[in-house]
Amino acid sequence: QVQFVESGGGLVQPGGSLRLSCAASGSLFSIYALGWYRHCPGKQRELVATITIGGITNYADSVKGRFTISRTNAKNTMYLQMNSLKPDDTAVYYCNEFHSNWVAYDYWGQGTQVTVSS
């Protein structure tokens, strides 16, 4: 099974920036797309951004224009550049595979905590 390890979170002030990293290990040959997710306090886990093997990206409306998803050519590392951060961005951020049935995933890593506060 593929494992994902997130890093790069921290405490930042509103308007600040962070860059999250996702390191993947295991066999990635069958993965068509990757995604960043977040779990905000009191809410369900949500999809933040996706990137396909061909480099096509999509973003949630709440982060579009502020966040940028990218990956290495080998797909073993993925990034989420987060700019103009808002308190509503506070969440635990996760990376994982992406497909239409992602809500059924039974494996999530530890995630990385992002806290946006003055």
PDB file of N, CA and C in Angstrom:
ATOM      1  N   GLN A   1       0.840  -1.192   0.000  1.00  0.00           N
ATOM      2  CA  GLN A   1       0.000   0.000   0.000  1.00  0.00           C
ATOM      3  C   GLN A   1       0.878   1.246   0.000  1.00  0.00           C
ATOM      4  N   VAL A   2       0.366   2.289  -0.599  1.00  0.00           N
ATOM      5  CA  VAL A   2       1.068   3.556  -0.629  1.00  0.00           C
ATOM      6  C   VAL A   2       0.849   4.272   0.698  1.00  0.00           C
ATOM      7  N   GLN A   3       1.908   4.862   1.204  1.00  0.00           N
ATOM      8  CA  GLN A   3       1.823   5.662   2.409  1.00  0.00           C
ATOM      9  C   GLN A   3       2.181   7.107   2.108  1.00  0.00           C
ATOM     10  N   PHE A   4       1.545   8.017   2.822  1.00  0.00           N
ATOM     11  CA  PHE A   4       1.757   9.438   2.635  1.00  0.00           C
ATOM     12  C   PHE A   4       2.109  10.069   3.968  1.00  0.00           C
ATOM     13  N   VAL A   5       3.096  10.951   3.939  1.00  0.00           N
ATOM     14  CA  VAL A   5       3.522  11.672   5.124  1.00  0.00           C
ATOM     15  C   VAL A   5       3.499  13.158   4.820  1.00  0.00           C
ATOM     16  N   GLU A   6       2.705  13.892   5.586  1.00  0.00           N
ATOM     17  CA  GLU A   6       2.552  15.329   5.397  1.00  0.00           C
ATOM     18  C   GLU A   6       3.487  16.087   6.329  1.00  0.00           C
ATOM     19  N   SER A   7       3.910  17.252   5.894  1.00  0.00           N
ATOM     20  CA  SER A   7       4.751  18.104   6.715  1.00  0.00           C
ATOM     21  C   SER A   7       4.607  19.549   6.260  1.00  0.00           C
ATOM     22  N   GLY A   8       5.110  20.462   7.063  1.00  0.00           N
ATOM     23  CA  GLY A   8       5.142  21.863   6.696  1.00  0.00           C
ATOM     24  C   GLY A   8       4.131  22.750   7.379  1.00  0.00           C
ATOM     25  N   GLY A   9       3.250  22.178   8.176  1.00  0.00           N
ATOM     26  CA  GLY A   9       2.252  22.981   8.856  1.00  0.00           C
ATOM     27  C   GLY A   9       2.857  23.810   9.973  1.00  0.00           C
ATOM     28  N   GLY A  10       2.027  24.667  10.543  1.00  0.00           N
ATOM     29  CA  GLY A  10       2.478  25.508  11.623  1.00  0.00           C
ATOM     30  C   GLY A  10       1.474  26.585  11.946  1.00  0.00           C
ATOM     31  N   LEU A  11       1.895  27.514  12.778  1.00  0.00           N
ATOM     32  CA  LEU A  11       1.075  28.644  13.194  1.00  0.00           C
ATOM     33  C   LEU A  11       1.493  29.877  12.409  1.00  0.00           C
ATOM     34  N   VAL A  12       0.539  30.487  11.727  1.00  0.00           N
ATOM     35  CA  VAL A  12       0.811  31.687  10.947  1.00  0.00           C
ATOM     36  C   VAL A  12      -0.270  32.717  11.196  1.00  0.00           C
ATOM     37  N   GLN A  13       0.063  33.973  10.947  1.00  0.00           N
ATOM     38  CA  GLN A  13      -0.902  35.055  11.068  1.00  0.00           C
ATOM     39  C   GLN A  13      -1.743  35.169   9.807  1.00  0.00           C
ATOM     40  N   PRO A  14      -2.947  35.716   9.908  1.00  0.00           N
ATOM     41  CA  PRO A  14      -3.739  35.945   8.700  1.00  0.00           C
ATOM     42  C   PRO A  14      -2.952  36.731   7.656  1.00  0.00           C
ATOM     43  N   GLY A  15      -3.077  36.301   6.411  1.00  0.00           N
ATOM     44  CA  GLY A  15      -2.327  36.907   5.330  1.00  0.00           C
ATOM     45  C   GLY A  15      -0.983  36.266   5.073  1.00  0.00           C
ATOM     46  N   GLY A  16      -0.559  35.384   5.939  1.00  0.00           N
ATOM     47  CA  GLY A  16       0.718  34.719   5.787  1.00  0.00           C
ATOM     48  C   GLY A  16       0.670  33.572   4.809  1.00  0.00           C
ATOM     49  N   SER A  17       1.807  32.886   4.679  1.00  0.00           N
ATOM     50  CA  SER A  17       1.950  31.794   3.719  1.00  0.00           C
ATOM     51  C   SER A  17       2.612  30.591   4.358  1.00  0.00           C
ATOM     52  N   LEU A  18       2.283  29.426   3.846  1.00  0.00           N
ATOM     53  CA  LEU A  18       2.917  28.175   4.206  1.00  0.00           C
ATOM     54  C   LEU A  18       3.003  27.305   2.968  1.00  0.00           C
ATOM     55  N   ARG A  19       3.991  26.430   2.951  1.00  0.00           N
ATOM     56  CA  ARG A  19       4.099  25.432   1.894  1.00  0.00           C
ATOM     57  C   ARG A  19       4.111  24.046   2.519  1.00  0.00           C
ATOM     58  N   LEU A  20       3.089  23.275   2.222  1.00  0.00           N
ATOM     59  CA  LEU A  20       2.976  21.922   2.727  1.00  0.00           C
ATOM     60  C   LEU A  20       3.614  20.941   1.755  1.00  0.00           C
ATOM     61  N   SER A  21       4.202  19.883   2.305  1.00  0.00           N
ATOM     62  CA  SER A  21       4.813  18.844   1.497  1.00  0.00           C
ATOM     63  C   SER A  21       4.183  17.503   1.821  1.00  0.00           C
ATOM     64  N   CYS A  22       4.128  16.642   0.828  1.00  0.00           N
ATOM     65  CA  CYS A  22       3.592  15.296   0.962  1.00  0.00           C
ATOM     66  C   CYS A  22       4.573  14.334   0.330  1.00  0.00           C
ATOM     67  N   ALA A  23       5.120  13.442   1.139  1.00  0.00           N
ATOM     68  CA  ALA A  23       6.045  12.431   0.655  1.00  0.00           C
ATOM     69  C   ALA A  23       5.320  11.098   0.545  1.00  0.00           C
ATOM     70  N   ALA A  24       5.352  10.506  -0.623  1.00  0.00           N
ATOM     71  CA  ALA A  24       4.689   9.236  -0.877  1.00  0.00           C
ATOM     72  C   ALA A  24       5.710   8.122  -1.001  1.00  0.00           C
ATOM     73  N   SER A  25       5.374   6.969  -0.452  1.00  0.00           N
ATOM     74  CA  SER A  25       6.225   5.798  -0.568  1.00  0.00           C
ATOM     75  C   SER A  25       5.379   4.598  -0.955  1.00  0.00           C
ATOM     76  N   GLY A  26       6.016   3.610  -1.569  1.00  0.00           N
ATOM     77  CA  GLY A  26       5.301   2.460  -2.071  1.00  0.00           C
ATOM     78  C   GLY A  26       5.109   2.558  -3.571  1.00  0.00           C
ATOM     79  N   SER A  27       4.284   1.694  -4.092  1.00  0.00           N
ATOM     80  CA  SER A  27       4.048   1.645  -5.522  1.00  0.00           C
ATOM     81  C   SER A  27       3.014   2.686  -5.934  1.00  0.00           C
ATOM     82  N   LEU A  28       3.425   3.579  -6.819  1.00  0.00           N
ATOM     83  CA  LEU A  28       2.549   4.649  -7.286  1.00  0.00           C
ATOM     84  C   LEU A  28       2.048   4.435  -8.713  1.00  0.00           C
ATOM     85  N   PHE A  29       2.323   3.274  -9.289  1.00  0.00           N
ATOM     86  CA  PHE A  29       2.052   3.082 -10.710  1.00  0.00           C
ATOM     87  C   PHE A  29       0.578   3.158 -11.055  1.00  0.00           C
ATOM     88  N   SER A  30      -0.296   2.808 -10.124  1.00  0.00           N
ATOM     89  CA  SER A  30      -1.724   2.771 -10.405  1.00  0.00           C
ATOM     90  C   SER A  30      -2.455   4.055 -10.026  1.00  0.00           C
ATOM     91  N   ILE A  31      -1.749   5.034  -9.506  1.00  0.00           N
ATOM     92  CA  ILE A  31      -2.384   6.269  -9.063  1.00  0.00           C
ATOM     93  C   ILE A  31      -2.576   7.207 -10.246  1.00  0.00           C
ATOM     94  N   TYR A  32      -3.812   7.588 -10.467  1.00  0.00           N
ATOM     95  CA  TYR A  32      -4.146   8.491 -11.563  1.00  0.00           C
ATOM     96  C   TYR A  32      -4.095   9.948 -11.131  1.00  0.00           C
ATOM     97  N   ALA A  33      -4.476  10.211  -9.884  1.00  0.00           N
ATOM     98  CA  ALA A  33      -4.505  11.580  -9.395  1.00  0.00           C
ATOM     99  C   ALA A  33      -4.243  11.611  -7.900  1.00  0.00           C
ATOM    100  N   LEU A  34      -3.730  12.730  -7.447  1.00  0.00           N
ATOM    101  CA  LEU A  34      -3.461  12.962  -6.039  1.00  0.00           C
ATOM    102  C   LEU A  34      -4.256  14.173  -5.567  1.00  0.00           C
ATOM    103  N   GLY A  35      -4.444  14.243  -4.260  1.00  0.00           N
ATOM    104  CA  GLY A  35      -5.204  15.360  -3.742  1.00  0.00           C
ATOM    105  C   GLY A  35      -4.766  15.782  -2.356  1.00  0.00           C
ATOM    106  N   TRP A  36      -5.035  17.038  -2.060  1.00  0.00           N
ATOM    107  CA  TRP A  36      -4.911  17.574  -0.714  1.00  0.00           C
ATOM    108  C   TRP A  36      -6.309  17.712  -0.123  1.00  0.00           C
ATOM    109  N   TYR A  37      -6.440  17.317   1.128  1.00  0.00           N
ATOM    110  CA  TYR A  37      -7.691  17.382   1.855  1.00  0.00           C
ATOM    111  C   TYR A  37      -7.455  18.128   3.162  1.00  0.00           C
ATOM    112  N   ARG A  38      -8.524  18.587   3.761  1.00  0.00           N
ATOM    113  CA  ARG A  38      -8.389  19.184   5.077  1.00  0.00           C
ATOM    114  C   ARG A  38      -9.615  18.874   5.919  1.00  0.00           C
ATOM    115  N   HIS A  39      -9.391  18.834   7.217  1.00  0.00           N
ATOM    116  CA  HIS A  39     -10.453  18.574   8.175  1.00  0.00           C
ATOM    117  C   HIS A  39     -10.500  19.752   9.136  1.00  0.00           C
ATOM    118  N   CYS A  40     -11.447  20.637   8.919  1.00  0.00           N
ATOM    119  CA  CYS A  40     -11.610  21.809   9.761  1.00  0.00           C
ATOM    120  C   CYS A  40     -12.365  21.425  11.030  1.00  0.00           C
ATOM    121  N   PRO A  41     -12.112  22.132  12.118  1.00  0.00           N
ATOM    122  CA  PRO A  41     -12.817  21.820  13.365  1.00  0.00           C
ATOM    123  C   PRO A  41     -14.322  21.893  13.193  1.00  0.00           C
ATOM    124  N   GLY A  42     -15.013  20.854  13.627  1.00  0.00           N
ATOM    125  CA  GLY A  42     -16.464  20.830  13.576  1.00  0.00           C
ATOM    126  C   GLY A  42     -17.061  20.567  12.214  1.00  0.00           C
ATOM    127  N   LYS A  43     -16.233  20.243  11.223  1.00  0.00           N
ATOM    128  CA  LYS A  43     -16.727  19.998   9.875  1.00  0.00           C
ATOM    129  C   LYS A  43     -16.229  18.652   9.359  1.00  0.00           C
ATOM    130  N   GLN A  44     -16.827  18.198   8.268  1.00  0.00           N
ATOM    131  CA  GLN A  44     -16.381  16.983   7.607  1.00  0.00           C
ATOM    132  C   GLN A  44     -15.115  17.247   6.811  1.00  0.00           C
ATOM    133  N   ARG A  45     -14.362  16.199   6.589  1.00  0.00           N
ATOM    134  CA  ARG A  45     -13.187  16.307   5.741  1.00  0.00           C
ATOM    135  C   ARG A  45     -13.608  16.776   4.350  1.00  0.00           C
ATOM    136  N   GLU A  46     -12.841  17.677   3.773  1.00  0.00           N
ATOM    137  CA  GLU A  46     -13.176  18.212   2.473  1.00  0.00           C
ATOM    138  C   GLU A  46     -11.984  18.152   1.536  1.00  0.00           C
ATOM    139  N   LEU A  47     -12.291  18.117   0.271  1.00  0.00           N
ATOM    140  CA  LEU A  47     -11.276  18.115  -0.770  1.00  0.00           C
ATOM    141  C   LEU A  47     -10.855  19.542  -1.064  1.00  0.00           C
ATOM    142  N   VAL A  48      -9.555  19.790  -1.045  1.00  0.00           N
ATOM    143  CA  VAL A  48      -9.016  21.126  -1.247  1.00  0.00           C
ATOM    144  C   VAL A  48      -8.533  21.331  -2.672  1.00  0.00           C
ATOM    145  N   ALA A  49      -7.742  20.391  -3.175  1.00  0.00           N
ATOM    146  CA  ALA A  49      -7.151  20.531  -4.499  1.00  0.00           C
ATOM    147  C   ALA A  49      -6.740  19.174  -5.017  1.00  0.00           C
ATOM    148  N   THR A  50      -6.726  19.017  -6.333  1.00  0.00           N
ATOM    149  CA  THR A  50      -6.313  17.767  -6.965  1.00  0.00           C
ATOM    150  C   THR A  50      -5.372  18.055  -8.118  1.00  0.00           C
ATOM    151  N   ILE A  51      -4.571  17.052  -8.432  1.00  0.00           N
ATOM    152  CA  ILE A  51      -3.700  17.124  -9.597  1.00  0.00           C
ATOM    153  C   ILE A  51      -3.636  15.737 -10.219  1.00  0.00           C
ATOM    154  N   THR A  52      -3.829  15.654 -11.527  1.00  0.00           N
ATOM    155  CA  THR A  52      -3.808  14.383 -12.230  1.00  0.00           C
ATOM    156  C   THR A  52      -2.409  14.057 -12.701  1.00  0.00           C
ATOM    157  N   ILE A  53      -2.250  12.832 -13.199  1.00  0.00           N
ATOM    158  CA  ILE A  53      -0.954  12.409 -13.712  1.00  0.00           C
ATOM    159  C   ILE A  53      -0.513  13.292 -14.872  1.00  0.00           C
ATOM    160  N   GLY A  54      -1.465  13.873 -15.577  1.00  0.00           N
ATOM    161  CA  GLY A  54      -1.157  14.768 -16.667  1.00  0.00           C
ATOM    162  C   GLY A  54      -0.957  16.213 -16.259  1.00  0.00           C
ATOM    163  N   GLY A  55      -1.066  16.499 -14.965  1.00  0.00           N
ATOM    164  CA  GLY A  55      -0.819  17.836 -14.478  1.00  0.00           C
ATOM    165  C   GLY A  55      -2.037  18.742 -14.437  1.00  0.00           C
ATOM    166  N   ILE A  56      -3.217  18.212 -14.665  1.00  0.00           N
ATOM    167  CA  ILE A  56      -4.432  19.016 -14.590  1.00  0.00           C
ATOM    168  C   ILE A  56      -4.798  19.238 -13.131  1.00  0.00           C
ATOM    169  N   THR A  57      -5.064  20.473 -12.771  1.00  0.00           N
ATOM    170  CA  THR A  57      -5.361  20.825 -11.387  1.00  0.00           C
ATOM    171  C   THR A  57      -6.775  21.349 -11.241  1.00  0.00           C
ATOM    172  N   ASN A  58      -7.333  21.145 -10.055  1.00  0.00           N
ATOM    173  CA  ASN A  58      -8.631  21.694  -9.684  1.00  0.00           C
ATOM    174  C   ASN A  58      -8.585  22.101  -8.222  1.00  0.00           C
ATOM    175  N   TYR A  59      -9.390  23.108  -7.880  1.00  0.00           N
ATOM    176  CA  TYR A  59      -9.382  23.664  -6.539  1.00  0.00           C
ATOM    177  C   TYR A  59     -10.792  23.884  -6.036  1.00  0.00           C
ATOM    178  N   ALA A  60     -10.941  23.747  -4.729  1.00  0.00           N
ATOM    179  CA  ALA A  60     -12.184  24.147  -4.103  1.00  0.00           C
ATOM    180  C   ALA A  60     -12.355  25.654  -4.241  1.00  0.00           C
ATOM    181  N   ASP A  61     -13.594  26.093  -4.360  1.00  0.00           N
ATOM    182  CA  ASP A  61     -13.854  27.518  -4.522  1.00  0.00           C
ATOM    183  C   ASP A  61     -13.278  28.340  -3.371  1.00  0.00           C
ATOM    184  N   SER A  62     -13.238  27.765  -2.188  1.00  0.00           N
ATOM    185  CA  SER A  62     -12.789  28.493  -1.018  1.00  0.00           C
ATOM    186  C   SER A  62     -11.302  28.818  -1.036  1.00  0.00           C
ATOM    187  N   VAL A  63     -10.522  28.109  -1.846  1.00  0.00           N
ATOM    188  CA  VAL A  63      -9.076  28.324  -1.877  1.00  0.00           C
ATOM    189  C   VAL A  63      -8.573  28.762  -3.239  1.00  0.00           C
ATOM    190  N   LYS A  64      -9.420  28.756  -4.231  1.00  0.00           N
ATOM    191  CA  LYS A  64      -8.998  29.092  -5.586  1.00  0.00           C
ATOM    192  C   LYS A  64      -8.424  30.504  -5.637  1.00  0.00           C
ATOM    193  N   GLY A  65      -7.271  30.619  -6.274  1.00  0.00           N
ATOM    194  CA  GLY A  65      -6.589  31.896  -6.354  1.00  0.00           C
ATOM    195  C   GLY A  65      -5.609  32.138  -5.236  1.00  0.00           C
ATOM    196  N   ARG A  66      -5.678  31.333  -4.181  1.00  0.00           N
ATOM    197  CA  ARG A  66      -4.776  31.495  -3.048  1.00  0.00           C
ATOM    198  C   ARG A  66      -3.836  30.309  -2.878  1.00  0.00           C
ATOM    199  N   PHE A  67      -4.308  29.105  -3.204  1.00  0.00           N
ATOM    200  CA  PHE A  67      -3.519  27.888  -3.042  1.00  0.00           C
ATOM    201  C   PHE A  67      -3.085  27.367  -4.401  1.00  0.00           C
ATOM    202  N   THR A  68      -1.933  26.710  -4.434  1.00  0.00           N
ATOM    203  CA  THR A  68      -1.428  26.092  -5.649  1.00  0.00           C
ATOM    204  C   THR A  68      -0.920  24.693  -5.337  1.00  0.00           C
ATOM    205  N   ILE A  69      -1.422  23.702  -6.053  1.00  0.00           N
ATOM    206  CA  ILE A  69      -0.985  22.326  -5.894  1.00  0.00           C
ATOM    207  C   ILE A  69       0.033  21.997  -6.981  1.00  0.00           C
ATOM    208  N   SER A  70       1.045  21.238  -6.631  1.00  0.00           N
ATOM    209  CA  SER A  70       2.055  20.833  -7.593  1.00  0.00           C
ATOM    210  C   SER A  70       2.646  19.497  -7.162  1.00  0.00           C
ATOM    211  N   ARG A  71       3.406  18.890  -8.046  1.00  0.00           N
ATOM    212  CA  ARG A  71       4.036  17.606  -7.760  1.00  0.00           C
ATOM    213  C   ARG A  71       5.315  17.470  -8.557  1.00  0.00           C
ATOM    214  N   THR A  72       6.156  16.550  -8.130  1.00  0.00           N
ATOM    215  CA  THR A  72       7.332  16.213  -8.903  1.00  0.00           C
ATOM    216  C   THR A  72       6.925  15.312 -10.052  1.00  0.00           C
ATOM    217  N   ASN A  73       7.803  15.188 -11.045  1.00  0.00           N
ATOM    218  CA  ASN A  73       7.496  14.337 -12.190  1.00  0.00           C
ATOM    219  C   ASN A  73       7.324  12.881 -11.801  1.00  0.00           C
ATOM    220  N   ALA A  74       8.006  12.439 -10.762  1.00  0.00           N
ATOM    221  CA  ALA A  74       7.925  11.058 -10.305  1.00  0.00           C
ATOM    222  C   ALA A  74       6.706  10.776  -9.439  1.00  0.00           C
ATOM    223  N   LYS A  75       5.949  11.800  -9.092  1.00  0.00           N
ATOM    224  CA  LYS A  75       4.738  11.700  -8.278  1.00  0.00           C
ATOM    225  C   LYS A  75       5.015  11.315  -6.831  1.00  0.00           C
ATOM    226  N   ASN A  76       6.287  11.297  -6.427  1.00  0.00           N
ATOM    227  CA  ASN A  76       6.596  10.882  -5.067  1.00  0.00           C
ATOM    228  C   ASN A  76       6.549  12.027  -4.068  1.00  0.00           C
ATOM    229  N   THR A  77       6.440  13.241  -4.548  1.00  0.00           N
ATOM    230  CA  THR A  77       6.337  14.400  -3.683  1.00  0.00           C
ATOM    231  C   THR A  77       5.306  15.362  -4.243  1.00  0.00           C
ATOM    232  N   MET A  78       4.458  15.858  -3.376  1.00  0.00           N
ATOM    233  CA  MET A  78       3.427  16.802  -3.762  1.00  0.00           C
ATOM    234  C   MET A  78       3.470  17.978  -2.804  1.00  0.00           C
ATOM    235  N   TYR A  79       3.096  19.150  -3.309  1.00  0.00           N
ATOM    236  CA  TYR A  79       3.158  20.367  -2.520  1.00  0.00           C
ATOM    237  C   TYR A  79       1.835  21.107  -2.570  1.00  0.00           C
ATOM    238  N   LEU A  80       1.609  21.887  -1.546  1.00  0.00           N
ATOM    239  CA  LEU A  80       0.484  22.807  -1.521  1.00  0.00           C
ATOM    240  C   LEU A  80       1.006  24.150  -1.025  1.00  0.00           C
ATOM    241  N   GLN A  81       1.140  25.092  -1.939  1.00  0.00           N
ATOM    242  CA  GLN A  81       1.535  26.445  -1.581  1.00  0.00           C
ATOM    243  C   GLN A  81       0.294  27.207  -1.153  1.00  0.00           C
ATOM    244  N   MET A  82       0.316  27.726   0.056  1.00  0.00           N
ATOM    245  CA  MET A  82      -0.839  28.377   0.651  1.00  0.00           C
ATOM    246  C   MET A  82      -0.490  29.836   0.919  1.00  0.00           C
ATOM    247  N   ASN A  83      -1.153  30.733   0.215  1.00  0.00           N
ATOM    248  CA  ASN A  83      -0.931  32.165   0.367  1.00  0.00           C
ATOM    249  C   ASN A  83      -2.197  32.843   0.864  1.00  0.00           C
ATOM    250  N   SER A  84      -2.033  34.042   1.375  1.00  0.00           N
ATOM    251  CA  SER A  84      -3.162  34.841   1.862  1.00  0.00           C
ATOM    252  C   SER A  84      -4.046  34.033   2.799  1.00  0.00           C
ATOM    253  N   LEU A  85      -3.427  33.390   3.748  1.00  0.00           N
ATOM    254  CA  LEU A  85      -4.149  32.489   4.637  1.00  0.00           C
ATOM    255  C   LEU A  85      -5.152  33.235   5.510  1.00  0.00           C
ATOM    256  N   LYS A  86      -6.266  32.574   5.757  1.00  0.00           N
ATOM    257  CA  LYS A  86      -7.360  33.107   6.548  1.00  0.00           C
ATOM    258  C   LYS A  86      -7.603  32.205   7.753  1.00  0.00           C
ATOM    259  N   PRO A  87      -8.209  32.732   8.801  1.00  0.00           N
ATOM    260  CA  PRO A  87      -8.544  31.874   9.942  1.00  0.00           C
ATOM    261  C   PRO A  87      -9.381  30.659   9.560  1.00  0.00           C
ATOM    262  N   ASP A  88     -10.237  30.788   8.547  1.00  0.00           N
ATOM    263  CA  ASP A  88     -11.060  29.660   8.112  1.00  0.00           C
ATOM    264  C   ASP A  88     -10.248  28.546   7.475  1.00  0.00           C
ATOM    265  N   ASP A  89      -8.985  28.798   7.159  1.00  0.00           N
ATOM    266  CA  ASP A  89      -8.109  27.764   6.618  1.00  0.00           C
ATOM    267  C   ASP A  89      -7.543  26.865   7.709  1.00  0.00           C
ATOM    268  N   THR A  90      -7.774  27.201   8.951  1.00  0.00           N
ATOM    269  CA  THR A  90      -7.280  26.390  10.053  1.00  0.00           C
ATOM    270  C   THR A  90      -7.854  24.984   9.970  1.00  0.00           C
ATOM    271  N   ALA A  91      -6.979  23.988   9.940  1.00  0.00           N
ATOM    272  CA  ALA A  91      -7.407  22.610   9.767  1.00  0.00           C
ATOM    273  C   ALA A  91      -6.197  21.699   9.852  1.00  0.00           C
ATOM    274  N   VAL A  92      -6.468  20.408   9.922  1.00  0.00           N
ATOM    275  CA  VAL A  92      -5.445  19.406   9.696  1.00  0.00           C
ATOM    276  C   VAL A  92      -5.486  19.057   8.214  1.00  0.00           C
ATOM    277  N   TYR A  93      -4.352  19.155   7.555  1.00  0.00           N
ATOM    278  CA  TYR A  93      -4.266  18.928   6.121  1.00  0.00           C
ATOM    279  C   TYR A  93      -3.674  17.557   5.835  1.00  0.00           C
ATOM    280  N   TYR A  94      -4.273  16.853   4.892  1.00  0.00           N
ATOM    281  CA  TYR A  94      -3.871  15.512   4.516  1.00  0.00           C
ATOM    282  C   TYR A  94      -3.637  15.431   3.018  1.00  0.00           C
ATOM    283  N   CYS A  95      -2.752  14.537   2.619  1.00  0.00           N
ATOM    284  CA  CYS A  95      -2.621  14.188   1.217  1.00  0.00           C
ATOM    285  C   CYS A  95      -2.990  12.721   1.042  1.00  0.00           C
ATOM    286  N   ASN A  96      -3.463  12.384  -0.142  1.00  0.00           N
ATOM    287  CA  ASN A  96      -3.894  11.030  -0.419  1.00  0.00           C
ATOM    288  C   ASN A  96      -4.133  10.891  -1.915  1.00  0.00           C
ATOM    289  N   GLU A  97      -4.450   9.680  -2.319  1.00  0.00           N
ATOM    290  CA  GLU A  97      -4.917   9.486  -3.682  1.00  0.00           C
ATOM    291  C   GLU A  97      -6.219  10.256  -3.881  1.00  0.00           C
ATOM    292  N   PHE A  98      -6.572  10.483  -5.124  1.00  0.00           N
ATOM    293  CA  PHE A  98      -7.853  11.074  -5.416  1.00  0.00           C
ATOM    294  C   PHE A  98      -8.569  10.274  -6.482  1.00  0.00           C
ATOM    295  N   HIS A  99      -9.805   9.928  -6.216  1.00  0.00           N
ATOM    296  CA  HIS A  99     -10.751   9.472  -7.212  1.00  0.00           C
ATOM    297  C   HIS A  99     -12.141   9.762  -6.669  1.00  0.00           C
ATOM    298  N   SER A 100     -13.152   9.461  -7.462  1.00  0.00           N
ATOM    299  CA  SER A 100     -14.503   9.891  -7.125  1.00  0.00           C
ATOM    300  C   SER A 100     -15.029   9.279  -5.833  1.00  0.00           C
ATOM    301  N   ASN A 101     -14.459   8.161  -5.402  1.00  0.00           N
ATOM    302  CA  ASN A 101     -14.918   7.479  -4.198  1.00  0.00           C
ATOM    303  C   ASN A 101     -14.003   7.737  -3.002  1.00  0.00           C
ATOM    304  N   TRP A 102     -13.341   8.881  -2.970  1.00  0.00           N
ATOM    305  CA  TRP A 102     -12.374   9.147  -1.912  1.00  0.00           C
ATOM    306  C   TRP A 102     -12.984   9.175  -0.517  1.00  0.00           C
ATOM    307  N   VAL A 103     -14.275   9.467  -0.425  1.00  0.00           N
ATOM    308  CA  VAL A 103     -14.917   9.516   0.890  1.00  0.00           C
ATOM    309  C   VAL A 103     -14.917   8.151   1.570  1.00  0.00           C
ATOM    310  N   ALA A 104     -14.680   7.080   0.817  1.00  0.00           N
ATOM    311  CA  ALA A 104     -14.656   5.733   1.369  1.00  0.00           C
ATOM    312  C   ALA A 104     -13.269   5.291   1.808  1.00  0.00           C
ATOM    313  N   TYR A 105     -12.261   6.122   1.621  1.00  0.00           N
ATOM    314  CA  TYR A 105     -10.909   5.755   2.037  1.00  0.00           C
ATOM    315  C   TYR A 105     -10.887   5.396   3.520  1.00  0.00           C
ATOM    316  N   ASP A 106     -10.201   4.310   3.844  1.00  0.00           N
ATOM    317  CA  ASP A 106     -10.076   3.913   5.237  1.00  0.00           C
ATOM    318  C   ASP A 106      -8.698   4.178   5.809  1.00  0.00           C
ATOM    319  N   TYR A 107      -7.825   4.774   5.012  1.00  0.00           N
ATOM    320  CA  TYR A 107      -6.500   5.111   5.501  1.00  0.00           C
ATOM    321  C   TYR A 107      -6.234   6.599   5.317  1.00  0.00           C
ATOM    322  N   TRP A 108      -5.858   7.238   6.400  1.00  0.00           N
ATOM    323  CA  TRP A 108      -5.385   8.611   6.394  1.00  0.00           C
ATOM    324  C   TRP A 108      -4.163   8.690   7.295  1.00  0.00           C
ATOM    325  N   GLY A 109      -3.185   9.457   6.868  1.00  0.00           N
ATOM    326  CA  GLY A 109      -2.001   9.640   7.674  1.00  0.00           C
ATOM    327  C   GLY A 109      -2.263  10.548   8.855  1.00  0.00           C
ATOM    328  N   GLN A 110      -1.181  10.990   9.470  1.00  0.00           N
ATOM    329  CA  GLN A 110      -1.304  11.864  10.633  1.00  0.00           C
ATOM    330  C   GLN A 110      -1.728  13.279  10.265  1.00  0.00           C
ATOM    331  N   GLY A 111      -1.459  13.678   9.033  1.00  0.00           N
ATOM    332  CA  GLY A 111      -1.767  15.035   8.621  1.00  0.00           C
ATOM    333  C   GLY A 111      -0.796  16.033   9.227  1.00  0.00           C
ATOM    334  N   THR A 112      -0.957  17.280   8.841  1.00  0.00           N
ATOM    335  CA  THR A 112      -0.151  18.350   9.401  1.00  0.00           C
ATOM    336  C   THR A 112      -1.069  19.511   9.776  1.00  0.00           C
ATOM    337  N   GLN A 113      -0.887  20.026  10.966  1.00  0.00           N
ATOM    338  CA  GLN A 113      -1.770  21.055  11.505  1.00  0.00           C
ATOM    339  C   GLN A 113      -1.393  22.424  10.963  1.00  0.00           C
ATOM    340  N   VAL A 114      -2.380  23.125  10.447  1.00  0.00           N
ATOM    341  CA  VAL A 114      -2.232  24.511  10.030  1.00  0.00           C
ATOM    342  C   VAL A 114      -3.166  25.354  10.885  1.00  0.00           C
ATOM    343  N   THR A 115      -2.606  26.313  11.581  1.00  0.00           N
ATOM    344  CA  THR A 115      -3.391  27.210  12.415  1.00  0.00           C
ATOM    345  C   THR A 115      -3.140  28.641  11.975  1.00  0.00           C
ATOM    346  N   VAL A 116      -4.204  29.330  11.611  1.00  0.00           N
ATOM    347  CA  VAL A 116      -4.120  30.716  11.164  1.00  0.00           C
ATOM    348  C   VAL A 116      -4.806  31.570  12.214  1.00  0.00           C
ATOM    349  N   SER A 117      -4.029  32.355  12.918  1.00  0.00           N
ATOM    350  CA  SER A 117      -4.562  33.144  14.021  1.00  0.00           C
ATOM    351  C   SER A 117      -3.654  34.328  14.296  1.00  0.00           C
ATOM    352  N   SER A 118      -4.261  35.420  14.725  1.00  0.00           N
ATOM    353  CA  SER A 118      -3.508  36.594  15.116  1.00  0.00           C
ATOM    354  C   SER A 118      -3.131  36.558  16.588  1.00  0.00           C
TER     355      SER A 118
END
